[in-house]
């Protein structure tokens, strides 16, 4: 491998000749050989949008930004956004807690890509690409940009698809009556469509709650520079950048009204991720319901069938498992764990800066990515193929003792309970038990016992 010599305020260091990164990126690579978790590409893309918006604002507000420099920065940012330079961002999550090295990684790549295009050294990573900025305001801004963008363009679309499939299933099963269950015990009847409507409503609520967090996350820290005072940034720089950024992304971003808050607090991330956690919790419930209803196929509930996607056992021929449900439930646990990490990270906003930013960004974006991919797979490979086993549902409802509830207004709660106990202990029907106890004649029972009307 060939190397070139780069230098920074620490001195000289060798950098792979073919790479666009510079000295600070190389030092980070060498100083943090920790784990394999790289800075998410969503963050890099957000940085590219942010750096372009900052350069555009500097062109208007800062006389040191020339049209030539802006043009080169714009070119480099577009190259990053195209995905052509993904390999130029090798840094791990486990670095400085402010994300300084990742900010400089982006600055160095933009500068060197721009300089190669110019054929001479026009851009300096700090003086030009990082003009009017600090890692302390750019990294939290990039976090929020990445979070809002990934939620709005990816996760919400996945949730919408699942809601649409559930809506179709609800309509298809609107007249399929089954026994309800509470406390894992038999309860009164409902339709399978009604049961599905509960799942759908959970997701609709989650969708609304998640979207409501975006207006909070859209407040970004840019313009605060090092400690929130805006040192070395032009007046109204943050506001101007947000306007440019909104135009570039077609997503509304807002200048945070208090930069001291924006730099040191992660409360917005905690709030937004809480909505993701709620979605994860509901997905856990839905997936568990589906796999329990599909349990069997002969010795479980067996009230529904789900698609058979792959063999389920290396030893038991013909066994098929609810694997999509299992994947979703594992994702739910990971998201809930990520929420704990983000919550703890938010407690560490010491003085003017929180230094748990990379781990927060990584966990938030992992949650969005897992939820998006998991929901898409769950929808396509499981939920869309759910079929009601109506004969089993009908048989279970006919066997259930809780349909006695429709007799309570006629014979009273205590006599209805006694009827249930007698039917259970003697393994006879409710009708037989009620007649044996002398509470109703056969005709009276038939006139009042209509489980299908209990829904």
Protein backbone atom coordinates (compact mmCIF):
# COMPACT_ATOMS: atom_id res chain seq x y z
CA UNK A 1 0.00 0.00 0.00
CA UNK A 2 1.23 3.47 -0.85
CA UNK A 3 1.03 6.31 1.66
CA UNK A 4 1.17 10.07 1.64
CA UNK A 5 2.14 12.30 4.55
CA UNK A 6 -0.55 14.54 6.06
CA UNK A 7 -0.21 16.86 9.01
CA UNK A 8 -2.40 18.48 11.63
CA UNK A 9 -1.74 20.33 14.88
CA UNK A 10 -0.33 17.11 16.36
CA UNK A 11 2.28 16.73 13.63
CA UNK A 12 2.74 14.42 10.66
CA UNK A 13 1.02 11.10 10.02
CA UNK A 14 0.91 8.65 7.12
CA UNK A 15 -2.40 8.22 5.29
CA UNK A 16 -3.22 5.65 2.56
CA UNK A 17 -2.47 7.47 -0.69
CA UNK A 18 -5.73 6.49 -2.42
CA UNK A 19 -7.96 7.76 0.40
CA UNK A 20 -9.50 11.23 0.60
CA UNK A 21 -9.48 11.44 4.38
CA UNK A 22 -6.74 13.33 6.21
CA UNK A 23 -4.69 13.36 9.37
CA UNK A 24 -7.45 13.60 11.98
CA UNK A 25 -9.40 10.74 10.43
CA UNK A 26 -6.26 8.61 10.35
CA UNK A 27 -5.50 9.36 14.00
CA UNK A 28 -9.01 8.33 14.96
CA UNK A 29 -8.62 5.07 13.05
CA UNK A 30 -5.43 4.32 14.92
CA UNK A 31 -6.55 5.55 18.35
CA UNK A 32 -9.96 3.84 18.44
CA UNK A 33 -9.56 0.23 17.23
CA UNK A 34 -12.80 -0.60 19.05
CA UNK A 35 -15.57 -2.80 17.74
CA UNK A 36 -16.93 -3.04 14.22
CA UNK A 37 -19.83 -0.56 14.53
CA UNK A 38 -19.12 2.17 11.99
CA UNK A 39 -20.66 5.62 12.04
CA UNK A 40 -24.02 5.09 10.29
CA UNK A 41 -24.25 6.16 6.66
CA UNK A 42 -27.38 8.12 7.58
CA UNK A 43 -25.14 10.39 9.66
CA UNK A 44 -22.66 10.83 6.82
CA UNK A 45 -25.47 11.70 4.40
CA UNK A 46 -26.91 14.16 6.93
CA UNK A 47 -23.46 15.75 7.28
CA UNK A 48 -23.24 16.18 3.51
CA UNK A 49 -26.56 18.03 3.44
CA UNK A 50 -25.51 20.10 6.45
CA UNK A 51 -22.08 21.03 5.06
CA UNK A 52 -23.66 22.07 1.76
CA UNK A 53 -26.25 24.19 3.56
CA UNK A 54 -23.54 25.76 5.72
CA UNK A 55 -21.38 26.56 2.70
CA UNK A 56 -24.36 28.13 0.96
CA UNK A 57 -25.12 30.27 4.02
CA UNK A 58 -21.48 31.28 4.35
CA UNK A 59 -21.52 32.38 0.74
CA UNK A 60 -24.27 34.85 1.66
CA UNK A 61 -23.12 35.85 5.15
CA UNK A 62 -19.35 35.35 5.37
CA UNK A 63 -17.02 37.20 2.97
CA UNK A 64 -14.33 34.53 3.44
CA UNK A 65 -16.44 32.01 1.48
CA UNK A 66 -15.81 32.49 -2.23
CA UNK A 67 -17.90 31.20 -5.12
CA UNK A 68 -15.05 28.89 -6.13
CA UNK A 69 -14.83 27.35 -2.67
CA UNK A 70 -18.58 26.96 -2.45
CA UNK A 71 -18.69 25.30 -5.85
CA UNK A 72 -16.04 22.77 -4.82
CA UNK A 73 -17.76 22.04 -1.50
CA UNK A 74 -21.06 21.57 -3.29
CA UNK A 75 -19.45 19.16 -5.76
CA UNK A 76 -17.91 17.08 -2.96
CA UNK A 77 -21.14 17.01 -0.95
CA UNK A 78 -23.06 15.81 -4.02
CA UNK A 79 -20.48 13.06 -4.49
CA UNK A 80 -21.02 11.93 -0.89
CA UNK A 81 -24.80 12.01 -1.29
CA UNK A 82 -24.53 9.85 -4.41
CA UNK A 83 -22.95 7.08 -2.34
CA UNK A 84 -19.74 7.02 -4.41
CA UNK A 85 -17.58 7.86 -1.39
CA UNK A 86 -19.06 5.54 1.25
CA UNK A 87 -15.71 3.86 1.85
CA UNK A 88 -14.17 7.18 2.83
CA UNK A 89 -15.96 7.15 6.19
CA UNK A 90 -14.38 4.31 8.19
CA UNK A 91 -14.60 5.64 11.73
CA UNK A 92 -16.22 3.65 14.51
CA UNK A 93 -18.97 4.78 16.84
CA UNK A 94 -16.69 4.36 19.85
CA UNK A 95 -14.71 7.59 19.45
CA UNK A 96 -14.80 10.99 21.08
CA UNK A 97 -18.22 11.57 22.62
CA UNK A 98 -18.83 14.77 20.67
CA UNK A 99 -18.32 13.06 17.31
CA UNK A 100 -15.46 15.46 16.53
CA UNK A 101 -13.49 12.92 14.51
CA UNK A 102 -16.49 12.12 12.29
CA UNK A 103 -17.08 15.81 11.68
CA UNK A 104 -13.43 16.15 10.69
CA UNK A 105 -13.64 12.98 8.58
CA UNK A 106 -16.38 14.67 6.55
CA UNK A 107 -14.48 17.97 6.44
CA UNK A 108 -11.29 16.28 5.22
CA UNK A 109 -13.02 14.21 2.55
CA UNK A 110 -14.92 17.23 1.23
CA UNK A 111 -11.75 19.32 1.15
CA UNK A 112 -9.65 16.68 -0.62
CA UNK A 113 -12.36 15.75 -3.12
CA UNK A 114 -12.84 19.43 -3.90
CA UNK A 115 -9.11 20.02 -4.20
CA UNK A 116 -8.69 17.10 -6.58
CA UNK A 117 -11.39 18.58 -8.79
CA UNK A 118 -9.72 22.00 -8.64
CA UNK A 119 -6.29 20.51 -9.36
CA UNK A 120 -4.81 22.52 -6.51
CA UNK A 121 -5.24 23.03 -2.77
CA UNK A 122 -8.14 25.49 -2.56
CA UNK A 123 -10.09 24.09 0.40
CA UNK A 124 -8.92 23.72 3.99
CA UNK A 125 -11.02 21.27 6.07
CA UNK A 126 -11.25 23.58 9.09
CA UNK A 127 -11.06 27.06 7.64
CA UNK A 128 -13.38 26.47 4.68
CA UNK A 129 -15.49 23.32 5.03
CA UNK A 130 -15.99 23.85 8.77
CA UNK A 131 -16.42 27.62 8.44
CA UNK A 132 -18.81 29.11 11.05
CA UNK A 133 -19.19 25.67 12.62
CA UNK A 134 -17.98 23.44 15.44
CA UNK A 135 -18.22 19.70 15.90
CA UNK A 136 -20.30 20.61 18.95
CA UNK A 137 -23.12 22.00 16.82
CA UNK A 138 -22.67 20.05 13.59
CA UNK A 139 -22.77 16.53 15.06
CA UNK A 140 -26.00 17.02 17.08
CA UNK A 141 -27.50 18.73 14.02
CA UNK A 142 -26.52 15.80 11.79
CA UNK A 143 -28.02 13.42 14.35
CA UNK A 144 -31.37 15.15 14.18
CA UNK A 145 -31.30 15.46 10.40
CA UNK A 146 -30.57 11.75 10.05
CA UNK A 147 -33.24 10.82 12.60
CA UNK A 148 -35.99 12.91 11.02
CA UNK A 149 -35.11 11.86 7.48
CA UNK A 150 -34.94 8.12 8.21
CA UNK A 151 -38.18 8.13 10.20
CA UNK A 152 -40.11 10.18 7.65
CA UNK A 153 -38.87 8.52 4.47
CA UNK A 154 -38.45 4.92 5.61
CA UNK A 155 -40.17 3.93 8.85
CA UNK A 156 -43.50 5.66 8.28
CA UNK A 157 -43.80 4.05 4.86
CA UNK A 158 -43.26 0.61 6.40
CA UNK A 159 -45.88 1.27 9.09
CA UNK A 160 -48.33 2.48 6.44
CA UNK A 161 -47.95 -0.74 4.46
CA UNK A 162 -48.63 -2.88 7.53
CA UNK A 163 -51.67 -0.78 8.44
CA UNK A 164 -53.01 -1.21 4.90
CA UNK A 165 -52.63 -5.01 5.02
CA UNK A 166 -54.32 -5.16 8.44
CA UNK A 167 -57.17 -3.00 7.17
CA UNK A 168 -57.74 -5.48 4.32
CA UNK A 169 -57.64 -8.44 6.75
CA UNK A 170 -60.06 -6.68 9.09
CA UNK A 171 -62.62 -6.25 6.32
CA UNK A 172 -62.18 -9.83 5.10
CA UNK A 173 -62.82 -11.23 8.58
CA UNK A 174 -65.56 -8.85 9.73
CA UNK A 175 -68.12 -11.66 10.06
CA UNK A 176 -65.84 -14.42 11.35
CA UNK A 177 -66.83 -14.99 14.99
CA UNK A 178 -64.33 -16.39 17.46
CA UNK A 179 -63.87 -16.64 21.19
CA UNK A 180 -62.07 -13.81 22.90
CA UNK A 181 -59.38 -14.35 25.50
CA UNK A 182 -58.37 -12.32 28.54
CA UNK A 183 -55.75 -13.40 31.11
CA UNK A 184 -54.99 -16.24 28.63
CA UNK A 185 -58.41 -17.64 29.54
CA UNK A 186 -61.62 -17.92 27.53
CA UNK A 187 -63.68 -14.74 27.39
CA UNK A 188 -66.75 -13.61 25.45
CA UNK A 189 -66.89 -13.72 21.61
CA UNK A 190 -65.81 -11.11 19.11
CA UNK A 191 -65.13 -11.17 15.40
CA UNK A 192 -61.66 -11.84 14.09
CA UNK A 193 -62.02 -8.55 12.24
CA UNK A 194 -62.53 -6.75 15.55
CA UNK A 195 -59.42 -8.39 16.96
CA UNK A 196 -57.41 -7.28 13.94
CA UNK A 197 -58.83 -3.75 14.27
CA UNK A 198 -57.16 -3.54 17.66
CA UNK A 199 -53.80 -4.34 16.09
CA UNK A 200 -54.38 -1.77 13.36
CA UNK A 201 -55.39 0.93 15.84
CA UNK A 202 -52.18 0.37 17.82
CA UNK A 203 -50.10 1.05 14.74
CA UNK A 204 -52.18 4.06 13.73
CA UNK A 205 -51.62 5.53 17.18
CA UNK A 206 -47.90 4.78 17.04
CA UNK A 207 -47.70 6.40 13.62
CA UNK A 208 -49.33 9.59 14.91
CA UNK A 209 -47.11 9.70 17.97
CA UNK A 210 -43.93 9.18 15.95
CA UNK A 211 -44.86 11.91 13.48
CA UNK A 212 -45.57 14.26 16.37
CA UNK A 213 -41.98 13.86 17.57
CA UNK A 214 -40.53 15.04 14.26
CA UNK A 215 -41.42 18.67 14.88
CA UNK A 216 -39.33 18.45 18.05
CA UNK A 217 -36.41 16.66 16.38
CA UNK A 218 -36.46 19.18 13.53
CA UNK A 219 -35.03 21.84 15.86
CA UNK A 220 -31.28 21.70 15.24
CA UNK A 221 -28.23 23.08 17.00
CA UNK A 222 -26.32 24.57 14.05
CA UNK A 223 -25.20 28.13 14.77
CA UNK A 224 -24.30 27.43 18.39
CA UNK A 225 -20.69 26.56 17.50
CA UNK A 226 -18.60 25.49 20.52
CA UNK A 227 -20.67 26.24 23.62
CA UNK A 228 -23.90 27.78 22.32
CA UNK A 229 -22.80 31.39 22.01
CA UNK A 230 -22.37 31.22 18.23
CA UNK A 231 -18.72 32.31 18.40
CA UNK A 232 -17.16 32.80 14.93
CA UNK A 233 -20.50 32.38 13.15
CA UNK A 234 -22.30 35.23 11.35
CA UNK A 235 -25.51 36.63 12.79
CA UNK A 236 -28.57 34.49 11.93
CA UNK A 237 -26.30 31.75 10.58
CA UNK A 238 -28.40 28.97 12.13
CA UNK A 239 -31.64 30.33 10.73
CA UNK A 240 -30.12 30.73 7.28
CA UNK A 241 -28.69 27.18 7.31
CA UNK A 242 -32.06 25.75 8.31
CA UNK A 243 -33.72 27.48 5.37
CA UNK A 244 -31.11 26.06 2.98
CA UNK A 245 -31.33 22.63 4.58
CA UNK A 246 -35.11 22.56 4.30
CA UNK A 247 -34.84 23.35 0.62
CA UNK A 248 -32.21 20.68 0.02
CA UNK A 249 -34.05 17.87 1.85
CA UNK A 250 -37.69 18.90 1.31
CA UNK A 251 -38.08 18.47 5.08
CA UNK A 252 -38.69 21.44 7.35
CA UNK A 253 -35.83 22.10 9.79
CA UNK A 254 -35.92 24.86 12.38
CA UNK A 255 -33.21 26.91 14.06
CA UNK A 256 -33.15 25.83 17.70
CA UNK A 257 -34.18 28.85 19.79
CA UNK A 258 -31.72 28.10 22.62
CA UNK A 259 -28.37 26.77 21.48
CA UNK A 260 -27.18 26.10 25.03
CA UNK A 261 -30.03 23.63 25.36
CA UNK A 262 -29.42 22.19 21.89
CA UNK A 263 -25.76 21.40 22.59
CA UNK A 264 -26.06 19.88 26.04
CA UNK A 265 -29.43 18.11 26.02
CA UNK A 266 -30.62 14.96 24.29
CA UNK A 267 -34.18 15.26 25.56
CA UNK A 268 -35.53 15.47 22.01
CA UNK A 269 -33.86 12.17 21.12
CA UNK A 270 -35.26 10.57 24.28
CA UNK A 271 -38.75 11.85 23.48
CA UNK A 272 -38.64 10.68 19.86
CA UNK A 273 -37.15 7.30 20.65
CA UNK A 274 -39.86 6.80 23.27
CA UNK A 275 -42.37 6.76 20.40
CA UNK A 276 -40.22 4.17 18.61
CA UNK A 277 -40.20 2.09 21.79
CA UNK A 278 -44.00 2.25 21.93
CA UNK A 279 -44.14 0.98 18.35
CA UNK A 280 -41.77 -1.84 19.29
CA UNK A 281 -43.95 -2.77 22.27
CA UNK A 282 -47.06 -2.92 20.08
CA UNK A 283 -45.26 -4.98 17.46
CA UNK A 284 -44.23 -7.40 20.19
CA UNK A 285 -47.88 -7.77 21.22
CA UNK A 286 -49.13 -8.22 17.65
CA UNK A 287 -46.43 -10.74 16.73
CA UNK A 288 -47.06 -12.71 19.92
CA UNK A 289 -50.81 -12.77 19.27
CA UNK A 290 -50.25 -14.02 15.74
CA UNK A 291 -47.86 -16.79 16.69
CA UNK A 292 -50.10 -17.95 19.53
CA UNK A 293 -53.19 -17.96 17.32
CA UNK A 294 -51.19 -19.92 14.72
CA UNK A 295 -49.73 -22.36 17.28
CA UNK A 296 -50.06 -26.03 16.47
CA UNK A 297 -50.88 -26.86 13.81
CA UNK A 298 -52.84 -29.60 15.62
CA UNK A 299 -51.93 -29.33 19.28
CA UNK A 300 -52.08 -25.57 19.72
CA UNK A 301 -54.77 -22.95 19.17
CA UNK A 302 -54.59 -23.29 15.40
CA UNK A 303 -57.16 -20.54 14.82
CA UNK A 304 -55.16 -19.01 11.99
CA UNK A 305 -52.59 -20.16 9.48
CA UNK A 306 -49.56 -18.12 8.47
CA UNK A 307 -47.22 -18.59 5.49
CA UNK A 308 -44.72 -21.45 5.62
CA UNK A 309 -41.45 -19.81 4.63
CA UNK A 310 -38.74 -22.34 5.49
CA UNK A 311 -38.18 -25.65 7.29
CA UNK A 312 -38.36 -25.14 11.05
CA UNK A 313 -36.25 -27.96 12.37
CA UNK A 314 -33.06 -29.82 11.58
CA UNK A 315 -34.43 -32.96 13.22
CA UNK A 316 -38.24 -32.84 12.99
CA UNK A 317 -39.35 -33.30 9.36
CA UNK A 318 -42.14 -31.04 8.18
CA UNK A 319 -41.98 -28.66 11.15
CA UNK A 320 -42.63 -25.02 10.33
CA UNK A 321 -42.12 -22.17 12.80
CA UNK A 322 -43.45 -18.59 13.08
CA UNK A 323 -40.04 -17.17 12.24
CA UNK A 324 -41.17 -13.73 11.08
CA UNK A 325 -42.93 -13.25 14.41
CA UNK A 326 -39.78 -14.29 16.22
CA UNK A 327 -37.67 -11.82 14.24
CA UNK A 328 -40.06 -8.97 15.06
CA UNK A 329 -40.07 -9.80 18.77
CA UNK A 330 -36.27 -9.85 18.85
CA UNK A 331 -36.22 -6.46 17.11
CA UNK A 332 -38.66 -5.14 19.71
CA UNK A 333 -36.32 -6.18 22.52
CA UNK A 334 -33.35 -4.53 20.79
CA UNK A 335 -35.27 -1.27 20.37
CA UNK A 336 -36.30 -1.32 24.03
CA UNK A 337 -32.64 -1.89 24.97
CA UNK A 338 -31.60 0.98 22.70
CA UNK A 339 -34.08 3.19 24.50
CA UNK A 340 -32.35 2.51 27.80
CA UNK A 341 -28.97 3.42 26.27
CA UNK A 342 -30.32 6.67 24.81
CA UNK A 343 -32.04 7.58 28.07
CA UNK A 344 -28.84 7.05 30.05
CA UNK A 345 -26.81 8.98 27.46
CA UNK A 346 -29.17 11.93 27.89
CA UNK A 347 -28.36 12.12 31.59
CA UNK A 348 -24.74 12.94 30.73
CA UNK A 349 -25.10 16.48 29.40
CA UNK A 350 -22.33 17.88 31.58
CA UNK A 351 -22.05 21.66 31.52
CA UNK A 352 -22.18 22.95 27.91
CA UNK A 353 -21.98 19.68 25.96
CA UNK A 354 -23.28 16.13 25.96
CA UNK A 355 -20.45 13.74 25.06
CA UNK A 356 -22.54 10.63 24.38
CA UNK A 357 -23.60 11.68 20.90
CA UNK A 358 -22.24 8.89 18.65
CA UNK A 359 -23.75 6.10 20.76
CA UNK A 360 -27.08 7.92 20.82
CA UNK A 361 -27.08 8.41 17.06
CA UNK A 362 -26.07 4.80 16.46
CA UNK A 363 -28.80 3.36 18.69
CA UNK A 364 -31.53 5.66 17.39
CA UNK A 365 -30.76 4.93 13.77
CA UNK A 366 -30.39 1.23 14.43
CA UNK A 367 -33.88 1.24 15.94
CA UNK A 368 -35.31 2.98 12.88
CA UNK A 369 -33.51 0.62 10.51
CA UNK A 370 -34.52 -2.55 12.38
CA UNK A 371 -38.12 -1.44 12.75
CA UNK A 372 -38.34 -0.49 9.08
CA UNK A 373 -36.80 -3.70 7.77
CA UNK A 374 -38.57 -5.86 10.34
CA UNK A 375 -42.01 -4.41 9.62
CA UNK A 376 -41.51 -4.73 5.85
CA UNK A 377 -40.51 -8.38 6.17
CA UNK A 378 -43.25 -9.15 8.70
CA UNK A 379 -45.87 -7.55 6.45
CA UNK A 380 -44.76 -9.29 3.27
CA UNK A 381 -43.87 -12.73 4.62
CA UNK A 382 -46.38 -13.20 7.43
CA UNK A 383 -49.27 -10.78 7.93
CA UNK A 384 -50.32 -10.58 4.29
CA UNK A 385 -50.74 -14.37 4.26
CA UNK A 386 -52.83 -14.79 7.43
CA UNK A 387 -55.89 -16.95 6.93
CA UNK A 388 -58.62 -17.60 9.50
CA UNK A 389 -59.28 -21.26 10.30
CA UNK A 390 -63.00 -20.71 10.66
CA UNK A 391 -63.88 -24.28 11.60
CA UNK A 392 -61.46 -24.19 14.54
CA UNK A 393 -62.70 -20.77 15.61
CA UNK A 394 -66.31 -21.98 15.50
CA UNK A 395 -65.51 -25.14 17.43
CA UNK A 396 -63.61 -23.23 20.11
CA UNK A 397 -66.46 -20.77 20.53
CA UNK A 398 -69.00 -23.59 20.87
CA UNK A 399 -66.86 -25.28 23.52
CA UNK A 400 -66.23 -22.10 25.49
CA UNK A 401 -68.00 -21.72 28.83
CA UNK A 402 -67.77 -17.94 28.85
CA UNK A 403 -70.62 -17.63 26.40
CA UNK A 404 -72.75 -18.19 29.50
CA UNK A 405 -72.37 -14.42 29.97
CA UNK A 406 -75.34 -13.89 27.65
CA UNK A 407 -77.52 -15.73 30.23
CA UNK A 408 -76.54 -13.46 33.15
CA UNK A 409 -79.32 -10.93 32.44
CA UNK A 410 -81.83 -13.83 32.47
CA UNK A 411 -80.80 -16.04 35.40
CA UNK A 412 -78.37 -13.75 37.22
CA UNK A 413 -74.61 -13.79 37.73
CA UNK A 414 -74.48 -16.39 40.51
CA UNK A 415 -76.65 -18.95 38.72
CA UNK A 416 -74.73 -18.39 35.49
CA UNK A 417 -71.47 -19.01 37.39
CA UNK A 418 -72.91 -22.20 38.92
CA UNK A 419 -73.96 -23.34 35.44
CA UNK A 420 -70.41 -22.80 34.18
CA UNK A 421 -68.85 -24.74 37.06
CA UNK A 422 -71.23 -27.67 36.60
CA UNK A 423 -70.62 -27.80 32.86
CA UNK A 424 -66.87 -27.77 33.41
CA UNK A 425 -66.75 -30.33 36.23
CA UNK A 426 -69.05 -32.79 34.46
CA UNK A 427 -67.71 -32.09 30.96
CA UNK A 428 -71.18 -31.32 29.62
CA UNK A 429 -72.56 -28.39 27.63
CA UNK A 430 -73.84 -25.18 29.16
CA UNK A 431 -77.30 -26.09 27.94
CA UNK A 432 -77.20 -29.46 29.68
CA UNK A 433 -75.91 -27.93 32.90
CA UNK A 434 -78.50 -25.14 32.93
CA UNK A 435 -81.37 -27.57 32.38
CA UNK A 436 -80.01 -30.00 35.01
CA UNK A 437 -79.87 -27.20 37.55
CA UNK A 438 -83.44 -26.26 36.70
CA UNK A 439 -82.65 -22.66 35.87
CA UNK A 440 -84.06 -22.74 32.32
CA UNK A 441 -86.07 -25.12 30.19
CA UNK A 442 -84.65 -26.25 26.86
CA UNK A 443 -86.92 -23.82 25.06
CA UNK A 444 -86.02 -20.92 27.35
CA UNK A 445 -82.30 -21.69 26.93
CA UNK A 446 -82.57 -21.72 23.13
CA UNK A 447 -84.48 -18.44 23.17
CA UNK A 448 -81.80 -16.66 25.23
CA UNK A 449 -78.52 -18.31 24.27
CA UNK A 450 -77.17 -16.57 21.15
CA UNK A 451 -73.34 -16.18 21.28
CA UNK A 452 -73.34 -14.75 17.77
CA UNK A 453 -75.21 -11.71 19.09
CA UNK A 454 -72.62 -11.02 21.78
CA UNK A 455 -70.20 -9.27 19.42
